[in-house]
Amino acid sequence: MPTFHRFDGFRIEVRSRDLSPPHFHMIGPDFHALVEIRTLQVIQGTYSRKALAEVVDWASVRTEALMTEWRRLNERG
C-alpha cells in the first residue's frame, strides 16, 4: 500500500478499496488504527497516545489532501 506520510516509527497509508467513512491507516510496529479523515477520531484498532497526538496534529492541516487521495483511490466514476 502507498505510504502517504512517514513518521519516526510509524506511517500513514491511504488504501484503495476501503469502505466508508473516508479514513487513513496509522501503522506502527505494535499498533494499527483507522482514523476518520473528517473528525480525526479513531474508528477501529489500537494505537499509542503519543502517535495519535502526533497524527492528529499533522492531519489537522492536511484533511483536504487526505480526502482527495481517499477519493482518488476509492470513488468509482
PDB file of N, CA and C in Angstrom:
ATOM      1  N   MET A   1       0.839  -1.185   0.000  1.00  0.00           N
ATOM      2  CA  MET A   1       0.000   0.000   0.000  1.00  0.00           C
ATOM      3  C   MET A   1       0.882   1.246   0.000  1.00  0.00           C
ATOM      4  N   PRO A   2       0.427   2.280  -0.675  1.00  0.00           N
ATOM      5  CA  PRO A   2       1.235   3.503  -0.723  1.00  0.00           C
ATOM      6  C   PRO A   2       1.257   4.216   0.633  1.00  0.00           C
ATOM      7  N   THR A   3       2.450   4.592   1.033  1.00  0.00           N
ATOM      8  CA  THR A   3       2.604   5.361   2.262  1.00  0.00           C
ATOM      9  C   THR A   3       2.372   6.826   1.938  1.00  0.00           C
ATOM     10  N   PHE A   4       1.431   7.440   2.659  1.00  0.00           N
ATOM     11  CA  PHE A   4       1.110   8.847   2.444  1.00  0.00           C
ATOM     12  C   PHE A   4       2.097   9.731   3.201  1.00  0.00           C
ATOM     13  N   HIS A   5       2.501   9.282   4.383  1.00  0.00           N
ATOM     14  CA  HIS A   5       3.466  10.037   5.195  1.00  0.00           C
ATOM     15  C   HIS A   5       4.161   9.069   6.143  1.00  0.00           C
ATOM     16  N   ARG A   6       5.414   9.350   6.446  1.00  0.00           N
ATOM     17  CA  ARG A   6       6.192   8.516   7.354  1.00  0.00           C
ATOM     18  C   ARG A   6       6.633   9.361   8.551  1.00  0.00           C
ATOM     19  N   PHE A   7       6.337   8.859   9.732  1.00  0.00           N
ATOM     20  CA  PHE A   7       6.779   9.477  10.974  1.00  0.00           C
ATOM     21  C   PHE A   7       7.946   8.652  11.510  1.00  0.00           C
ATOM     22  N   ASP A   8       8.521   9.066  12.601  1.00  0.00           N
ATOM     23  CA  ASP A   8       9.586   8.292  13.229  1.00  0.00           C
ATOM     24  C   ASP A   8       8.954   7.084  13.928  1.00  0.00           C
ATOM     25  N   GLY A   9       9.004   5.929  13.303  1.00  0.00           N
ATOM     26  CA  GLY A   9       8.491   4.720  13.920  1.00  0.00           C
ATOM     27  C   GLY A   9       7.124   4.263  13.460  1.00  0.00           C
ATOM     28  N   PHE A  10       6.426   5.041  12.661  1.00  0.00           N
ATOM     29  CA  PHE A  10       5.145   4.604  12.129  1.00  0.00           C
ATOM     30  C   PHE A  10       4.830   5.368  10.852  1.00  0.00           C
ATOM     31  N   ARG A  11       3.764   4.951  10.170  1.00  0.00           N
ATOM     32  CA  ARG A  11       3.432   5.568   8.886  1.00  0.00           C
ATOM     33  C   ARG A  11       1.922   5.721   8.723  1.00  0.00           C
ATOM     34  N   ILE A  12       1.551   6.550   7.749  1.00  0.00           N
ATOM     35  CA  ILE A  12       0.161   6.770   7.373  1.00  0.00           C
ATOM     36  C   ILE A  12      -0.037   6.217   5.970  1.00  0.00           C
ATOM     37  N   GLU A  13      -1.082   5.416   5.803  1.00  0.00           N
ATOM     38  CA  GLU A  13      -1.429   4.895   4.483  1.00  0.00           C
ATOM     39  C   GLU A  13      -2.865   5.253   4.152  1.00  0.00           C
ATOM     40  N   VAL A  14      -3.093   5.581   2.890  1.00  0.00           N
ATOM     41  CA  VAL A  14      -4.442   5.725   2.345  1.00  0.00           C
ATOM     42  C   VAL A  14      -4.566   4.590   1.340  1.00  0.00           C
ATOM     43  N   ARG A  15      -5.535   3.714   1.557  1.00  0.00           N
ATOM     44  CA  ARG A  15      -5.629   2.494   0.772  1.00  0.00           C
ATOM     45  C   ARG A  15      -6.804   2.513  -0.208  1.00  0.00           C
ATOM     46  N   SER A  16      -6.634   1.782  -1.284  1.00  0.00           N
ATOM     47  CA  SER A  16      -7.723   1.615  -2.249  1.00  0.00           C
ATOM     48  C   SER A  16      -8.654   0.509  -1.761  1.00  0.00           C
ATOM     49  N   ARG A  17      -9.861   0.526  -2.278  1.00  0.00           N
ATOM     50  CA  ARG A  17     -10.901  -0.451  -1.955  1.00  0.00           C
ATOM     51  C   ARG A  17     -11.255  -0.464  -0.467  1.00  0.00           C
ATOM     52  N   ASP A  18     -11.130   0.685   0.195  1.00  0.00           N
ATOM     53  CA  ASP A  18     -11.546   0.816   1.589  1.00  0.00           C
ATOM     54  C   ASP A  18     -13.004   1.249   1.644  1.00  0.00           C
ATOM     55  N   LEU A  19     -13.689   0.855   2.676  1.00  0.00           N
ATOM     56  CA  LEU A  19     -15.087   1.218   2.852  1.00  0.00           C
ATOM     57  C   LEU A  19     -15.201   2.569   3.547  1.00  0.00           C
ATOM     58  N   SER A  20     -16.373   3.190   3.424  1.00  0.00           N
ATOM     59  CA  SER A  20     -16.647   4.447   4.115  1.00  0.00           C
ATOM     60  C   SER A  20     -16.775   4.166   5.605  1.00  0.00           C
ATOM     61  N   PRO A  21     -16.571   5.170   6.431  1.00  0.00           N
ATOM     62  CA  PRO A  21     -16.274   6.555   6.104  1.00  0.00           C
ATOM     63  C   PRO A  21     -14.824   6.704   5.636  1.00  0.00           C
ATOM     64  N   PRO A  22     -14.546   7.773   4.901  1.00  0.00           N
ATOM     65  CA  PRO A  22     -13.170   8.022   4.463  1.00  0.00           C
ATOM     66  C   PRO A  22     -12.221   8.053   5.665  1.00  0.00           C
ATOM     67  N   HIS A  23     -11.128   7.298   5.564  1.00  0.00           N
ATOM     68  CA  HIS A  23     -10.202   7.170   6.677  1.00  0.00           C
ATOM     69  C   HIS A  23      -8.806   6.871   6.155  1.00  0.00           C
ATOM     70  N   PHE A  24      -7.850   6.936   7.064  1.00  0.00           N
ATOM     71  CA  PHE A  24      -6.490   6.511   6.753  1.00  0.00           C
ATOM     72  C   PHE A  24      -6.038   5.518   7.819  1.00  0.00           C
ATOM     73  N   HIS A  25      -4.984   4.799   7.504  1.00  0.00           N
ATOM     74  CA  HIS A  25      -4.428   3.801   8.400  1.00  0.00           C
ATOM     75  C   HIS A  25      -3.175   4.369   9.061  1.00  0.00           C
ATOM     76  N   MET A  26      -3.107   4.254  10.377  1.00  0.00           N
ATOM     77  CA  MET A  26      -1.951   4.659  11.160  1.00  0.00           C
ATOM     78  C   MET A  26      -1.296   3.352  11.612  1.00  0.00           C
ATOM     79  N   ILE A  27      -0.090   3.065  11.090  1.00  0.00           N
ATOM     80  CA  ILE A  27       0.508   1.748  11.287  1.00  0.00           C
ATOM     81  C   ILE A  27       1.882   1.881  11.940  1.00  0.00           C
ATOM     82  N   GLY A  28       2.025   1.226  13.069  1.00  0.00           N
ATOM     83  CA  GLY A  28       3.300   1.196  13.768  1.00  0.00           C
ATOM     84  C   GLY A  28       3.701  -0.241  14.047  1.00  0.00           C
ATOM     85  N   PRO A  29       4.815  -0.445  14.714  1.00  0.00           N
ATOM     86  CA  PRO A  29       5.287  -1.806  14.952  1.00  0.00           C
ATOM     87  C   PRO A  29       4.360  -2.635  15.842  1.00  0.00           C
ATOM     88  N   ASP A  30       3.608  -1.974  16.731  1.00  0.00           N
ATOM     89  CA  ASP A  30       2.707  -2.714  17.615  1.00  0.00           C
ATOM     90  C   ASP A  30       1.306  -2.104  17.667  1.00  0.00           C
ATOM     91  N   PHE A  31       0.923  -1.374  16.626  1.00  0.00           N
ATOM     92  CA  PHE A  31      -0.437  -0.853  16.545  1.00  0.00           C
ATOM     93  C   PHE A  31      -0.846  -0.662  15.089  1.00  0.00           C
ATOM     94  N   HIS A  32      -2.153  -0.645  14.869  1.00  0.00           N
ATOM     95  CA  HIS A  32      -2.742  -0.367  13.561  1.00  0.00           C
ATOM     96  C   HIS A  32      -4.135   0.171  13.830  1.00  0.00           C
ATOM     97  N   ALA A  33      -4.350   1.435  13.492  1.00  0.00           N
ATOM     98  CA  ALA A  33      -5.639   2.067  13.744  1.00  0.00           C
ATOM     99  C   ALA A  33      -6.150   2.729  12.474  1.00  0.00           C
ATOM    100  N   LEU A  34      -7.479   2.788  12.370  1.00  0.00           N
ATOM    101  CA  LEU A  34      -8.129   3.520  11.288  1.00  0.00           C
ATOM    102  C   LEU A  34      -8.626   4.836  11.869  1.00  0.00           C
ATOM    103  N   VAL A  35      -8.286   5.944  11.203  1.00  0.00           N
ATOM    104  CA  VAL A  35      -8.646   7.277  11.679  1.00  0.00           C
ATOM    105  C   VAL A  35      -9.520   7.941  10.634  1.00  0.00           C
ATOM    106  N   GLU A  36     -10.715   8.352  11.040  1.00  0.00           N
ATOM    107  CA  GLU A  36     -11.630   9.026  10.119  1.00  0.00           C
ATOM    108  C   GLU A  36     -11.045  10.382   9.734  1.00  0.00           C
ATOM    109  N   ILE A  37     -11.059  10.680   8.442  1.00  0.00           N
ATOM    110  CA  ILE A  37     -10.430  11.905   7.949  1.00  0.00           C
ATOM    111  C   ILE A  37     -11.163  13.150   8.426  1.00  0.00           C
ATOM    112  N   ARG A  38     -12.478  13.163   8.374  1.00  0.00           N
ATOM    113  CA  ARG A  38     -13.230  14.388   8.717  1.00  0.00           C
ATOM    114  C   ARG A  38     -13.135  14.750  10.196  1.00  0.00           C
ATOM    115  N   THR A  39     -13.201  13.737  11.074  1.00  0.00           N
ATOM    116  CA  THR A  39     -13.237  14.012  12.515  1.00  0.00           C
ATOM    117  C   THR A  39     -11.903  13.780  13.216  1.00  0.00           C
ATOM    118  N   LEU A  40     -10.993  13.054  12.554  1.00  0.00           N
ATOM    119  CA  LEU A  40      -9.704  12.656  13.122  1.00  0.00           C
ATOM    120  C   LEU A  40      -9.881  11.822  14.388  1.00  0.00           C
ATOM    121  N   GLN A  41     -10.972  11.056  14.426  1.00  0.00           N
ATOM    122  CA  GLN A  41     -11.241  10.139  15.523  1.00  0.00           C
ATOM    123  C   GLN A  41     -10.875   8.716  15.106  1.00  0.00           C
ATOM    124  N   VAL A  42     -10.334   7.948  16.023  1.00  0.00           N
ATOM    125  CA  VAL A  42     -10.048   6.539  15.755  1.00  0.00           C
ATOM    126  C   VAL A  42     -11.378   5.802  15.656  1.00  0.00           C
ATOM    127  N   ILE A  43     -11.564   5.079  14.546  1.00  0.00           N
ATOM    128  CA  ILE A  43     -12.806   4.331  14.362  1.00  0.00           C
ATOM    129  C   ILE A  43     -12.602   2.828  14.558  1.00  0.00           C
ATOM    130  N   GLN A  44     -11.345   2.405  14.604  1.00  0.00           N
ATOM    131  CA  GLN A  44     -11.063   0.986  14.814  1.00  0.00           C
ATOM    132  C   GLN A  44      -9.576   0.804  15.083  1.00  0.00           C
ATOM    133  N   GLY A  45      -9.241  -0.181  15.895  1.00  0.00           N
ATOM    134  CA  GLY A  45      -7.847  -0.566  16.068  1.00  0.00           C
ATOM    135  C   GLY A  45      -7.215  -0.086  17.361  1.00  0.00           C
ATOM    136  N   THR A  46      -5.910  -0.296  17.411  1.00  0.00           N
ATOM    137  CA  THR A  46      -5.125   0.075  18.584  1.00  0.00           C
ATOM    138  C   THR A  46      -4.094   1.127  18.183  1.00  0.00           C
ATOM    139  N   TYR A  47      -3.622   1.877  19.156  1.00  0.00           N
ATOM    140  CA  TYR A  47      -2.679   2.967  18.884  1.00  0.00           C
ATOM    141  C   TYR A  47      -2.014   3.393  20.181  1.00  0.00           C
ATOM    142  N   SER A  48      -0.923   4.111  20.034  1.00  0.00           N
ATOM    143  CA  SER A  48      -0.322   4.742  21.210  1.00  0.00           C
ATOM    144  C   SER A  48      -0.826   6.180  21.268  1.00  0.00           C
ATOM    145  N   ARG A  49      -1.000   6.678  22.453  1.00  0.00           N
ATOM    146  CA  ARG A  49      -1.492   8.058  22.598  1.00  0.00           C
ATOM    147  C   ARG A  49      -0.528   9.064  21.990  1.00  0.00           C
ATOM    148  N   LYS A  50       0.754   8.805  22.142  1.00  0.00           N
ATOM    149  CA  LYS A  50       1.762   9.712  21.583  1.00  0.00           C
ATOM    150  C   LYS A  50       1.659   9.751  20.061  1.00  0.00           C
ATOM    151  N   ALA A  51       1.549   8.593  19.435  1.00  0.00           N
ATOM    152  CA  ALA A  51       1.429   8.541  17.970  1.00  0.00           C
ATOM    153  C   ALA A  51       0.143   9.219  17.517  1.00  0.00           C
ATOM    154  N   LEU A  52      -0.967   8.962  18.207  1.00  0.00           N
ATOM    155  CA  LEU A  52      -2.232   9.581  17.819  1.00  0.00           C
ATOM    156  C   LEU A  52      -2.152  11.102  17.925  1.00  0.00           C
ATOM    157  N   ALA A  53      -1.567  11.618  18.976  1.00  0.00           N
ATOM    158  CA  ALA A  53      -1.438  13.071  19.132  1.00  0.00           C
ATOM    159  C   ALA A  53      -0.623  13.661  17.987  1.00  0.00           C
ATOM    160  N   GLU A  54       0.448  12.988  17.614  1.00  0.00           N
ATOM    161  CA  GLU A  54       1.290  13.453  16.512  1.00  0.00           C
ATOM    162  C   GLU A  54       0.520  13.432  15.190  1.00  0.00           C
ATOM    163  N   VAL A  55      -0.240  12.367  14.969  1.00  0.00           N
ATOM    164  CA  VAL A  55      -1.010  12.226  13.735  1.00  0.00           C
ATOM    165  C   VAL A  55      -2.121  13.266  13.654  1.00  0.00           C
ATOM    166  N   VAL A  56      -2.834  13.467  14.724  1.00  0.00           N
ATOM    167  CA  VAL A  56      -3.922  14.455  14.718  1.00  0.00           C
ATOM    168  C   VAL A  56      -3.365  15.845  14.438  1.00  0.00           C
ATOM    169  N   ASP A  57      -2.253  16.182  15.047  1.00  0.00           N
ATOM    170  CA  ASP A  57      -1.620  17.479  14.797  1.00  0.00           C
ATOM    171  C   ASP A  57      -1.233  17.615  13.323  1.00  0.00           C
ATOM    172  N   TRP A  58      -0.616  16.580  12.770  1.00  0.00           N
ATOM    173  CA  TRP A  58      -0.189  16.573  11.377  1.00  0.00           C
ATOM    174  C   TRP A  58      -1.393  16.610  10.425  1.00  0.00           C
ATOM    175  N   ALA A  59      -2.385  15.748  10.664  1.00  0.00           N
ATOM    176  CA  ALA A  59      -3.525  15.604   9.755  1.00  0.00           C
ATOM    177  C   ALA A  59      -4.484  16.790   9.806  1.00  0.00           C
ATOM    178  N   SER A  60      -4.520  17.508  10.905  1.00  0.00           N
ATOM    179  CA  SER A  60      -5.482  18.613  11.035  1.00  0.00           C
ATOM    180  C   SER A  60      -5.272  19.695   9.981  1.00  0.00           C
ATOM    181  N   VAL A  61      -4.082  19.821   9.455  1.00  0.00           N
ATOM    182  CA  VAL A  61      -3.832  20.808   8.399  1.00  0.00           C
ATOM    183  C   VAL A  61      -3.726  20.159   7.023  1.00  0.00           C
ATOM    184  N   ARG A  62      -4.042  18.851   6.951  1.00  0.00           N
ATOM    185  CA  ARG A  62      -3.936  18.124   5.678  1.00  0.00           C
ATOM    186  C   ARG A  62      -5.194  17.336   5.344  1.00  0.00           C
ATOM    187  N   THR A  63      -6.319  17.691   5.952  1.00  0.00           N
ATOM    188  CA  THR A  63      -7.538  16.915   5.714  1.00  0.00           C
ATOM    189  C   THR A  63      -7.957  16.943   4.250  1.00  0.00           C
ATOM    190  N   GLU A  64      -7.801  18.064   3.581  1.00  0.00           N
ATOM    191  CA  GLU A  64      -8.177  18.134   2.161  1.00  0.00           C
ATOM    192  C   GLU A  64      -7.322  17.213   1.316  1.00  0.00           C
ATOM    193  N   ALA A  65      -6.026  17.205   1.549  1.00  0.00           N
ATOM    194  CA  ALA A  65      -5.133  16.326   0.788  1.00  0.00           C
ATOM    195  C   ALA A  65      -5.444  14.860   1.076  1.00  0.00           C
ATOM    196  N   LEU A  66      -5.708  14.526   2.320  1.00  0.00           N
ATOM    197  CA  LEU A  66      -6.067  13.156   2.667  1.00  0.00           C
ATOM    198  C   LEU A  66      -7.377  12.753   2.012  1.00  0.00           C
ATOM    199  N   MET A  67      -8.364  13.654   2.041  1.00  0.00           N
ATOM    200  CA  MET A  67      -9.667  13.361   1.435  1.00  0.00           C
ATOM    201  C   MET A  67      -9.536  13.215  -0.077  1.00  0.00           C
ATOM    202  N   THR A  68      -8.746  14.054  -0.699  1.00  0.00           N
ATOM    203  CA  THR A  68      -8.528  13.970  -2.145  1.00  0.00           C
ATOM    204  C   THR A  68      -7.910  12.628  -2.510  1.00  0.00           C
ATOM    205  N   GLU A  69      -6.931  12.189  -1.750  1.00  0.00           N
ATOM    206  CA  GLU A  69      -6.289  10.905  -2.019  1.00  0.00           C
ATOM    207  C   GLU A  69      -7.251   9.744  -1.779  1.00  0.00           C
ATOM    208  N   TRP A  70      -8.041   9.812  -0.716  1.00  0.00           N
ATOM    209  CA  TRP A  70      -9.003   8.748  -0.444  1.00  0.00           C
ATOM    210  C   TRP A  70     -10.018   8.651  -1.585  1.00  0.00           C
ATOM    211  N   ARG A  71     -10.526   9.796  -2.031  1.00  0.00           N
ATOM    212  CA  ARG A  71     -11.483   9.793  -3.149  1.00  0.00           C
ATOM    213  C   ARG A  71     -10.848   9.238  -4.417  1.00  0.00           C
ATOM    214  N   ARG A  72      -9.634   9.634  -4.700  1.00  0.00           N
ATOM    215  CA  ARG A  72      -8.937   9.173  -5.901  1.00  0.00           C
ATOM    216  C   ARG A  72      -8.831   7.643  -5.902  1.00  0.00           C
ATOM    217  N   LEU A  73      -8.549   7.080  -4.755  1.00  0.00           N
ATOM    218  CA  LEU A  73      -8.355   5.637  -4.665  1.00  0.00           C
ATOM    219  C   LEU A  73      -9.638   4.832  -4.486  1.00  0.00           C
ATOM    220  N   ASN A  74     -10.709   5.469  -4.029  1.00  0.00           N
ATOM    221  CA  ASN A  74     -11.897   4.712  -3.633  1.00  0.00           C
ATOM    222  C   ASN A  74     -13.189   5.048  -4.351  1.00  0.00           C
ATOM    223  N   GLU A  75     -13.342   6.208  -4.907  1.00  0.00           N
ATOM    224  CA  GLU A  75     -14.599   6.534  -5.564  1.00  0.00           C
ATOM    225  C   GLU A  75     -14.562   6.088  -7.012  1.00  0.00           C
ATOM    226  N   ARG A  76     -15.589   5.402  -7.404  1.00  0.00           N
ATOM    227  CA  ARG A  76     -15.676   4.912  -8.778  1.00  0.00           C
ATOM    228  C   ARG A  76     -16.503   5.874  -9.602  1.00  0.00           C
ATOM    229  N   GLY A  77     -15.961   6.276 -10.732  1.00  0.00           N
ATOM    230  CA  GLY A  77     -16.619   7.273 -11.558  1.00  0.00           C
ATOM    231  C   GLY A  77     -17.444   6.771 -12.617  1.00  0.00           C
TER     232      GLY A  77
END
